[in-house]
């Protein structure tokens, strides 16, 4: 199945995730405060206004009378002069089924309602904050409905002014808290930034281990990483020593056996030649595997393909001088890959040797690079390999032409060595007619 591309959220760094979460949370809280606080203040002011109106209601109720003609009258003037000032914004009215008494502030108008009877309007059609009540007087048998209202606009103006000031305060609070969060995140993640710098130094070969003065949350990871690096370097050094010792230990006995076989009759040489060749192939294969162990400092390795190709081609020009092969190296000298030099020599050397063996006259080497990977491409104008056999030639011991000297291990070693460096090799038909080998390796930064 094809690999799914990770989502944009999953690709965010830890710092970006923390900042994004803080911005989302803080923005939600500020907006909630900006919406809820004015609403709560408005409700409080309305409740306070109605509380004040209830005092007027008590005053009106205490002074409301019915005269001898059955008409409603107010026995004394109310304490608030706005009730007598026309269109003052403070109104009252008392109403029965056949009579109505109202404040002078209403002048020639009256308090009226919308169709739903939920909103009251004053003398100038201004919305009112109002309360109403029904009372009974001993001398009057019908209920008396009393309504007191005051202009709502001053409350809305007060809340609007408050909102303007509130948003300024919330904006300052927003950016202030955000700044503190940025500082806190930067300080909290500084050990990870330090680790990143040290890993870069490890990659460049300036260090062999990380420092041990990290916070205790990260200290176990650093300790384990240092132990892993030390263990890797020790294992690699030991494996290479064993490979070298094995090579020297077996070289002399094999040479003796080969020389002794030459003195035997021809009919007795053939049965012994094949087992010796198998032993030699196994030794070559496993020594090649040992050489694939990688670099002593895996994080700091880098090599120049252009430089190594020039050096290897000079040797092959002498070895295969009679074939008169021309190699064109188009790789820039500044390009470097994250592979140890001896391992890069092993991989490129095998690819170039195949080219020198099979090319008619020309080998072309070039590179395609991106931010993470470098593809070193070796093409020749030889006979190439049939498409159905391209997948088989990288297997151990496979040789398509038994008449050409070799063990059949070259491309297999290249494949496994590239894999150990998180790379790969692909074979295909070249536009030049021969074989096209694409060796993909990590780009060194």
Protein backbone atom coordinates (compact mmCIF):
# COMPACT_ATOMS: atom_id res chain seq x y z
CA UNK A 1 0.00 0.00 0.00
CA UNK A 2 1.31 3.53 -0.75
CA UNK A 3 2.49 5.53 2.20
CA UNK A 4 0.00 8.16 3.30
CA UNK A 5 1.36 11.67 3.37
CA UNK A 6 1.34 12.95 6.98
CA UNK A 7 -1.18 15.68 7.70
CA UNK A 8 -0.08 19.27 8.11
CA UNK A 9 -0.93 19.17 11.84
CA UNK A 10 1.30 16.12 12.39
CA UNK A 11 4.19 17.90 10.65
CA UNK A 12 4.10 20.84 13.06
CA UNK A 13 7.01 21.21 15.45
CA UNK A 14 6.51 20.99 19.22
CA UNK A 15 6.93 24.75 19.52
CA UNK A 16 4.36 25.38 16.78
CA UNK A 17 1.89 23.01 18.44
CA UNK A 18 2.25 24.71 21.82
CA UNK A 19 1.96 28.18 20.29
CA UNK A 20 -1.05 27.17 18.18
CA UNK A 21 -2.80 25.62 21.20
CA UNK A 22 -2.06 28.72 23.31
CA UNK A 23 -3.36 31.08 20.60
CA UNK A 24 -6.57 29.06 20.12
CA UNK A 25 -7.23 28.82 23.88
CA UNK A 26 -6.36 32.45 24.62
CA UNK A 27 -8.36 33.78 21.65
CA UNK A 28 -11.42 31.78 22.76
CA UNK A 29 -11.11 33.10 26.31
CA UNK A 30 -10.67 36.73 25.22
CA UNK A 31 -13.63 36.56 22.83
CA UNK A 32 -15.76 34.93 25.53
CA UNK A 33 -14.76 37.66 27.98
CA UNK A 34 -15.43 40.39 25.39
CA UNK A 35 -18.93 39.02 24.75
CA UNK A 36 -19.96 37.89 28.23
CA UNK A 37 -18.66 40.78 30.34
CA UNK A 38 -20.68 43.53 28.53
CA UNK A 39 -23.74 41.28 28.59
CA UNK A 40 -23.38 40.71 32.33
CA UNK A 41 -22.77 44.42 32.95
CA UNK A 42 -25.84 45.32 30.92
CA UNK A 43 -27.97 42.82 32.83
CA UNK A 44 -26.65 44.20 36.11
CA UNK A 45 -27.46 47.79 35.07
CA UNK A 46 -30.96 46.78 33.96
CA UNK A 47 -31.52 45.01 37.30
CA UNK A 48 -30.22 48.09 39.17
CA UNK A 49 -32.48 50.37 37.12
CA UNK A 50 -35.51 48.19 37.83
CA UNK A 51 -34.59 48.29 41.51
CA UNK A 52 -34.67 52.08 41.34
CA UNK A 53 -37.99 51.99 39.46
CA UNK A 54 -39.44 49.78 42.20
CA UNK A 55 -38.82 52.62 44.67
CA UNK A 56 -40.86 54.91 42.42
CA UNK A 57 -43.48 52.18 42.20
CA UNK A 58 -43.78 52.14 45.99
CA UNK A 59 -44.03 55.95 46.03
CA UNK A 60 -46.78 55.97 43.39
CA UNK A 61 -48.67 53.15 45.08
CA UNK A 62 -48.57 54.99 48.40
CA UNK A 63 -49.91 58.24 46.91
CA UNK A 64 -52.42 56.93 44.37
CA UNK A 65 -56.07 57.68 45.30
CA UNK A 66 -59.56 57.71 43.81
CA UNK A 67 -61.51 60.96 44.11
CA UNK A 68 -65.22 61.37 44.74
CA UNK A 69 -65.93 61.07 41.04
CA UNK A 70 -64.13 57.75 40.79
CA UNK A 71 -61.12 59.21 38.97
CA UNK A 72 -57.51 58.31 39.71
CA UNK A 73 -55.44 61.04 41.32
CA UNK A 74 -52.01 61.37 42.88
CA UNK A 75 -52.19 63.00 46.29
CA UNK A 76 -48.67 64.49 46.19
CA UNK A 77 -45.95 65.30 43.70
CA UNK A 78 -43.35 62.57 43.17
CA UNK A 79 -39.83 63.17 44.44
CA UNK A 80 -38.07 62.85 41.07
CA UNK A 81 -38.60 66.05 39.01
CA UNK A 82 -38.10 64.17 35.76
CA UNK A 83 -41.67 62.88 36.09
CA UNK A 84 -42.89 66.46 35.46
CA UNK A 85 -40.39 67.36 32.73
CA UNK A 86 -41.81 66.68 29.22
CA UNK A 87 -40.02 63.92 27.32
CA UNK A 88 -37.51 63.47 30.12
CA UNK A 89 -37.23 59.73 29.56
CA UNK A 90 -38.75 58.75 32.93
CA UNK A 91 -42.45 57.96 32.74
CA UNK A 92 -45.30 56.34 34.60
CA UNK A 93 -48.93 55.63 34.07
CA UNK A 94 -51.75 54.12 36.10
CA UNK A 95 -54.62 52.62 34.19
CA UNK A 96 -57.96 50.99 34.83
CA UNK A 97 -60.55 49.65 32.45
CA UNK A 98 -62.14 53.11 32.07
CA UNK A 99 -59.58 55.59 33.34
CA UNK A 100 -55.86 56.45 32.95
CA UNK A 101 -53.48 58.66 34.90
CA UNK A 102 -50.02 59.41 33.55
CA UNK A 103 -46.94 61.45 34.31
CA UNK A 104 -46.55 64.94 32.88
CA UNK A 105 -43.29 63.77 31.26
CA UNK A 106 -45.39 61.85 28.73
CA UNK A 107 -46.96 65.15 27.69
CA UNK A 108 -49.55 64.29 25.04
CA UNK A 109 -48.33 60.75 24.48
CA UNK A 110 -48.60 57.49 26.38
CA UNK A 111 -46.50 54.40 27.00
CA UNK A 112 -47.20 51.83 24.28
CA UNK A 113 -46.05 48.29 23.48
CA UNK A 114 -45.01 46.29 20.46
CA UNK A 115 -47.32 43.61 19.10
CA UNK A 116 -45.81 40.90 21.27
CA UNK A 117 -46.26 43.08 24.38
CA UNK A 118 -42.59 42.42 25.28
CA UNK A 119 -41.15 45.86 24.55
CA UNK A 120 -42.42 49.21 25.88
CA UNK A 121 -41.81 52.58 24.22
CA UNK A 122 -41.92 56.10 25.66
CA UNK A 123 -43.15 59.52 24.53
CA UNK A 124 -40.52 59.75 21.78
CA UNK A 125 -40.80 56.06 20.85
CA UNK A 126 -37.61 55.34 22.78
CA UNK A 127 -37.26 51.76 24.15
CA UNK A 128 -37.88 51.60 27.90
CA UNK A 129 -36.68 49.56 30.80
CA UNK A 130 -39.91 49.09 32.71
CA UNK A 131 -41.69 47.38 35.58
CA UNK A 132 -45.40 47.02 36.09
CA UNK A 133 -47.67 46.01 38.90
CA UNK A 134 -51.39 45.71 39.70
CA UNK A 135 -52.89 47.06 42.92
CA UNK A 136 -56.33 47.28 44.53
CA UNK A 137 -57.70 50.25 46.45
CA UNK A 138 -60.44 49.85 49.10
CA UNK A 139 -62.65 52.45 47.47
CA UNK A 140 -62.21 51.07 43.96
CA UNK A 141 -63.39 47.65 42.96
CA UNK A 142 -61.33 47.20 39.77
CA UNK A 143 -57.56 46.46 39.66
CA UNK A 144 -55.26 49.34 38.86
CA UNK A 145 -52.30 48.60 36.54
CA UNK A 146 -49.23 50.74 37.18
CA UNK A 147 -46.26 50.88 34.76
CA UNK A 148 -43.03 52.80 35.25
CA UNK A 149 -40.35 53.01 32.59
CA UNK A 150 -37.10 54.82 31.88
CA UNK A 151 -35.18 55.37 28.66
CA UNK A 152 -32.95 52.36 27.81
CA UNK A 153 -30.55 54.34 25.62
CA UNK A 154 -28.32 55.68 28.45
CA UNK A 155 -27.73 52.08 29.57
CA UNK A 156 -26.77 51.03 26.04
CA UNK A 157 -24.46 54.04 25.68
CA UNK A 158 -22.78 53.18 28.96
CA UNK A 159 -22.28 49.57 27.89
CA UNK A 160 -20.99 50.68 24.45
CA UNK A 161 -18.40 52.95 26.08
CA UNK A 162 -17.48 50.16 28.47
CA UNK A 163 -17.04 47.72 25.55
CA UNK A 164 -14.66 50.10 23.79
CA UNK A 165 -12.49 50.37 26.88
CA UNK A 166 -12.89 46.68 27.63
CA UNK A 167 -11.63 45.59 24.19
CA UNK A 168 -8.56 47.80 24.60
CA UNK A 169 -7.85 46.17 27.96
CA UNK A 170 -8.50 42.68 26.55
CA UNK A 171 -6.22 43.35 23.56
CA UNK A 172 -3.40 44.45 25.88
CA UNK A 173 -4.08 41.42 28.07
CA UNK A 174 -4.11 39.13 24.99
CA UNK A 175 -0.76 40.26 23.64
CA UNK A 176 0.75 40.43 27.13
CA UNK A 177 -0.23 36.86 27.97
CA UNK A 178 0.81 35.68 24.50
CA UNK A 179 4.24 37.24 24.99
CA UNK A 180 4.62 35.50 28.34
CA UNK A 181 3.56 32.21 26.72
CA UNK A 182 6.13 32.64 23.93
CA UNK A 183 8.86 33.29 26.50
CA UNK A 184 7.73 30.32 28.58
CA UNK A 185 7.66 27.99 25.56
CA UNK A 186 11.10 29.17 24.38
CA UNK A 187 12.55 28.67 27.85
CA UNK A 188 10.90 25.25 28.27
CA UNK A 189 12.08 24.01 24.87
CA UNK A 190 15.61 25.43 25.15
CA UNK A 191 17.03 22.01 26.22
CA UNK A 192 15.66 20.51 22.99
CA UNK A 193 17.25 23.32 20.98
CA UNK A 194 20.53 22.62 22.78
CA UNK A 195 20.19 18.91 21.94
CA UNK A 196 19.56 19.80 18.29
CA UNK A 197 22.76 21.86 18.19
CA UNK A 198 24.74 19.06 19.80
CA UNK A 199 23.36 16.54 17.32
CA UNK A 200 24.50 18.84 14.50
CA UNK A 201 27.96 18.89 16.10
CA UNK A 202 27.86 15.08 16.29
CA UNK A 203 26.89 14.97 12.62
CA UNK A 204 29.84 17.18 11.73
CA UNK A 205 32.22 15.07 13.83
CA UNK A 206 32.91 17.88 16.31
CA UNK A 207 31.66 15.72 19.22
CA UNK A 208 31.43 12.04 20.03
CA UNK A 209 28.65 12.26 22.65
CA UNK A 210 26.06 14.60 24.14
CA UNK A 211 26.59 16.58 27.33
CA UNK A 212 24.98 15.34 30.54
CA UNK A 213 23.57 18.60 31.99
CA UNK A 214 20.02 18.25 30.69
CA UNK A 215 16.79 18.48 32.76
CA UNK A 216 15.85 15.20 34.37
CA UNK A 217 12.92 14.75 31.96
CA UNK A 218 15.34 14.56 29.01
CA UNK A 219 18.42 13.22 30.82
CA UNK A 220 17.43 9.51 30.44
CA UNK A 221 17.03 9.96 26.66
CA UNK A 222 20.43 11.66 26.41
CA UNK A 223 22.05 8.95 28.54
CA UNK A 224 20.56 6.17 26.41
CA UNK A 225 21.59 7.92 23.20
CA UNK A 226 25.18 8.31 24.45
CA UNK A 227 25.24 4.64 25.43
CA UNK A 228 23.88 3.66 22.00
CA UNK A 229 26.51 5.76 20.21
CA UNK A 230 29.30 4.26 22.30
CA UNK A 231 27.98 0.72 21.79
CA UNK A 232 27.66 1.26 18.03
CA UNK A 233 31.19 2.61 17.70
CA UNK A 234 32.64 -0.25 19.76
CA UNK A 235 30.73 -2.91 17.80
CA UNK A 236 31.77 -1.39 14.50
CA UNK A 237 35.43 -1.20 15.46
CA UNK A 238 35.36 -4.77 16.72
CA UNK A 239 33.62 -6.05 13.57
CA UNK A 240 36.16 -4.40 11.30
CA UNK A 241 39.06 -5.78 13.30
CA UNK A 242 37.57 -9.26 13.09
CA UNK A 243 36.99 -8.86 9.35
CA UNK A 244 40.61 -7.82 8.81
CA UNK A 245 41.93 -10.61 10.98
CA UNK A 246 39.76 -13.16 9.16
CA UNK A 247 40.95 -11.89 5.80
CA UNK A 248 44.63 -12.25 6.75
CA UNK A 249 44.06 -15.60 8.46
CA UNK A 250 42.38 -17.18 5.42
CA UNK A 251 44.46 -15.62 2.67
CA UNK A 252 47.57 -17.76 3.23
CA UNK A 253 45.83 -21.19 3.60
CA UNK A 254 43.75 -20.54 0.47
CA UNK A 255 46.84 -19.55 -1.50
CA UNK A 256 48.59 -22.73 -0.33
CA UNK A 257 45.62 -24.89 -1.36
CA UNK A 258 45.39 -23.23 -4.78
CA UNK A 259 49.11 -23.78 -5.38
CA UNK A 260 48.94 -27.40 -4.26
CA UNK A 261 45.99 -28.09 -6.56
CA UNK A 262 48.05 -26.87 -9.52
CA UNK A 263 50.45 -29.80 -8.95
CA UNK A 264 47.68 -32.39 -9.12
CA UNK A 265 46.68 -34.13 -12.33
CA UNK A 266 44.14 -32.15 -14.37
CA UNK A 267 41.37 -34.68 -13.82
CA UNK A 268 41.75 -34.25 -10.03
CA UNK A 269 41.89 -30.45 -10.12
CA UNK A 270 38.34 -29.90 -11.37
CA UNK A 271 36.49 -31.41 -8.34
CA UNK A 272 38.57 -29.26 -5.98
CA UNK A 273 38.41 -26.00 -7.92
CA UNK A 274 34.67 -25.54 -7.43
CA UNK A 275 34.68 -25.95 -3.58
CA UNK A 276 37.65 -23.55 -3.34
CA UNK A 277 35.77 -21.05 -5.48
CA UNK A 278 32.72 -21.39 -3.24
CA UNK A 279 34.90 -20.80 -0.16
CA UNK A 280 36.42 -17.72 -1.82
CA UNK A 281 32.94 -16.42 -2.72
CA UNK A 282 31.69 -16.88 0.83
CA UNK A 283 34.74 -15.08 2.23
CA UNK A 284 34.33 -12.21 -0.24
CA UNK A 285 30.64 -11.94 0.57
CA UNK A 286 30.97 -11.89 4.35
CA UNK A 287 33.98 -9.58 4.26
CA UNK A 288 31.88 -7.28 2.11
CA UNK A 289 29.09 -7.46 4.69
CA UNK A 290 31.60 -6.59 7.42
CA UNK A 291 32.74 -3.57 5.41
CA UNK A 292 29.12 -2.50 5.20
CA UNK A 293 29.01 -1.88 8.95
CA UNK A 294 29.13 1.86 8.23
CA UNK A 295 31.06 4.71 9.73
CA UNK A 296 32.62 4.87 13.16
CA UNK A 297 30.69 8.04 13.83
CA UNK A 298 27.42 7.44 12.03
CA UNK A 299 26.12 10.99 12.50
CA UNK A 300 29.13 12.82 11.07
CA UNK A 301 29.99 10.87 7.91
CA UNK A 302 30.09 12.58 4.54
CA UNK A 303 31.89 12.01 1.26
CA UNK A 304 32.19 13.70 -2.11
CA UNK A 305 30.91 11.42 -4.92
CA UNK A 306 32.60 13.54 -7.60
CA UNK A 307 36.00 13.24 -5.91
CA UNK A 308 35.67 9.47 -5.36
CA UNK A 309 34.49 8.85 -8.93
CA UNK A 310 37.53 10.70 -10.31
CA UNK A 311 39.87 8.69 -8.05
CA UNK A 312 38.27 5.31 -8.89
CA UNK A 313 38.04 6.02 -12.62
CA UNK A 314 41.79 6.78 -12.76
CA UNK A 315 42.46 3.28 -11.43
CA UNK A 316 39.97 1.62 -13.80
CA UNK A 317 41.36 3.56 -16.78
CA UNK A 318 44.62 1.71 -16.21
CA UNK A 319 43.07 -1.70 -15.47
CA UNK A 320 40.77 -1.57 -18.51
CA UNK A 321 43.05 0.50 -20.73
CA UNK A 322 42.66 -1.90 -23.68
CA UNK A 323 38.89 -1.32 -23.76
CA UNK A 324 39.36 2.45 -24.30
CA UNK A 325 36.37 3.45 -22.18
CA UNK A 326 35.56 7.15 -21.69
CA UNK A 327 33.93 8.16 -18.39
CA UNK A 328 32.12 11.51 -18.13
CA UNK A 329 31.69 12.74 -14.54
CA UNK A 330 28.99 15.45 -14.38
CA UNK A 331 28.63 15.56 -10.58
CA UNK A 332 29.49 18.86 -8.89
CA UNK A 333 32.47 18.74 -6.55
CA UNK A 334 30.52 20.55 -3.77
CA UNK A 335 27.93 17.77 -3.50
CA UNK A 336 28.34 15.48 -0.48
CA UNK A 337 26.41 12.41 0.68
CA UNK A 338 26.05 11.00 4.23
CA UNK A 339 28.21 7.91 3.60
CA UNK A 340 31.68 7.03 4.79
CA UNK A 341 34.34 7.32 2.09
CA UNK A 342 35.38 3.64 2.08
CA UNK A 343 31.76 2.52 1.84
CA UNK A 344 31.05 5.01 -0.95
CA UNK A 345 34.13 3.72 -2.76
CA UNK A 346 32.78 0.16 -2.41
CA UNK A 347 29.38 1.06 -3.87
CA UNK A 348 30.50 3.38 -6.66
CA UNK A 349 33.48 1.16 -7.43
CA UNK A 350 31.21 -1.84 -8.12
CA UNK A 351 28.91 0.22 -10.34
CA UNK A 352 31.80 1.74 -12.29
CA UNK A 353 33.52 -1.62 -12.66
CA UNK A 354 30.37 -3.05 -14.23
CA UNK A 355 30.36 -0.09 -16.60
CA UNK A 356 34.02 -0.60 -17.53
CA UNK A 357 33.37 -4.32 -18.14
CA UNK A 358 30.29 -3.94 -20.33
CA UNK A 359 30.28 -0.45 -21.89
CA UNK A 360 31.16 -0.18 -25.58
CA UNK A 361 32.89 3.16 -25.26
CA UNK A 362 31.10 5.56 -22.89
CA UNK A 363 30.06 5.77 -19.22
CA UNK A 364 28.09 8.76 -17.97
CA UNK A 365 27.78 9.62 -14.26
CA UNK A 366 25.51 12.40 -12.98
CA UNK A 367 23.39 13.23 -9.93
CA UNK A 368 19.87 14.37 -9.14
CA UNK A 369 19.51 16.00 -5.72
CA UNK A 370 16.82 17.35 -3.45
CA UNK A 371 16.77 18.52 0.17
CA UNK A 372 16.96 15.00 1.64
CA UNK A 373 18.30 12.60 -1.01
CA UNK A 374 20.91 12.38 -3.75
CA UNK A 375 20.57 9.96 -6.65
CA UNK A 376 23.92 9.03 -8.26
CA UNK A 377 23.18 7.68 -11.73
CA UNK A 378 25.65 5.56 -13.72
CA UNK A 379 24.77 4.84 -17.37
CA UNK A 380 26.68 3.05 -20.10
CA UNK A 381 26.24 2.28 -23.79
CA UNK A 382 26.79 -1.45 -23.47
CA UNK A 383 24.37 -4.32 -24.21
CA UNK A 384 22.46 -3.78 -20.95
CA UNK A 385 20.40 -6.37 -19.06
CA UNK A 386 17.09 -7.85 -20.20
CA UNK A 387 14.16 -6.29 -18.34
CA UNK A 388 13.00 -9.61 -16.90
CA UNK A 389 16.41 -10.14 -15.25
CA UNK A 390 16.88 -6.66 -13.74
CA UNK A 391 15.44 -7.77 -10.40
CA UNK A 392 17.67 -10.83 -10.15
CA UNK A 393 21.12 -9.35 -10.65
CA UNK A 394 21.19 -7.73 -7.18
CA UNK A 395 20.82 -11.16 -5.55
CA UNK A 396 23.89 -12.75 -4.02
CA UNK A 397 26.04 -14.79 -6.40
CA UNK A 398 23.96 -14.15 -9.55
CA UNK A 399 26.11 -13.72 -12.69
CA UNK A 400 24.54 -13.27 -16.11
CA UNK A 401 27.77 -14.03 -17.97
CA UNK A 402 29.91 -16.84 -16.56
CA UNK A 403 32.72 -16.02 -19.01
CA UNK A 404 33.44 -12.66 -17.38
CA UNK A 405 35.59 -12.78 -14.22
CA UNK A 406 33.76 -12.04 -10.98
CA UNK A 407 31.93 -13.52 -8.02
CA UNK A 408 28.43 -12.15 -8.62
CA UNK A 409 28.56 -10.28 -5.31
CA UNK A 410 29.12 -6.69 -6.52
CA UNK A 411 25.55 -5.44 -7.05
CA UNK A 412 24.30 -7.42 -4.06
CA UNK A 413 26.89 -5.73 -1.82
CA UNK A 414 25.94 -2.34 -3.28
CA UNK A 415 22.25 -3.03 -2.58
CA UNK A 416 22.78 -4.14 1.02
CA UNK A 417 25.31 -1.41 1.74
CA UNK A 418 22.93 1.26 0.37
CA UNK A 419 20.16 -0.19 2.52
CA UNK A 420 22.37 0.13 5.63
CA UNK A 421 22.61 3.87 4.87
CA UNK A 422 18.83 4.14 4.38
CA UNK A 423 19.30 4.26 0.61
CA UNK A 424 18.52 2.02 -2.33
CA UNK A 425 19.62 1.00 -5.82
CA UNK A 426 17.40 0.66 -8.88
CA UNK A 427 18.37 -0.80 -12.24
CA UNK A 428 16.73 0.04 -15.55
CA UNK A 429 17.44 0.45 -19.25
CA UNK A 430 19.55 3.49 -20.13
CA UNK A 431 18.72 5.90 -22.95
CA UNK A 432 22.27 5.15 -24.12
CA UNK A 433 21.25 1.54 -24.70
CA UNK A 434 23.02 -0.10 -21.75
CA UNK A 435 22.38 -0.35 -18.04
CA UNK A 436 21.20 2.57 -15.88
CA UNK A 437 22.01 2.18 -12.16
CA UNK A 438 20.40 4.73 -9.80
CA UNK A 439 22.05 4.76 -6.35
CA UNK A 440 19.95 6.83 -3.86
CA UNK A 441 21.68 8.05 -0.70
CA UNK A 442 21.02 10.67 1.96
CA UNK A 443 22.33 14.15 1.22
CA UNK A 444 24.86 15.47 3.74
CA UNK A 445 23.90 18.82 5.34
